[in-house]
Amino acid sequence: MYIEFVISYVLIGILAVLLAVVIVLQCIILKKMSRGGSHSNDVSYGSYSKGNAYAGANRGTAICRNCATQFDAAHVVCPKCGTPR
């Protein structure tokens, strides 16, 4: 065989392996996202509990940096996903 063909076959093999790795990683990520995608409404988040965690006099609205839910700025954590402000 010519060296050009050998180099081409090696490169094609490397690309095939990389493609397989990407597909496997995408499957793993999709499985993790589908398992952890739903949130319960009655979960407490650390020392904060949903619904009664207030920051004090700070009023207005805030947007969660994790799920983009708009909520009252008096809350210390997002009421949907529990991410601290």
Foldseek 3Di string as FASTA:
>chain_A
DDPVVVVVVVVVVVVVVVVVVVVVVVVVVVVVCVVPVADDQADQDPPGGAPPAFPPPDFDWDADPPPRDIDTNRHQADSGPGHGD
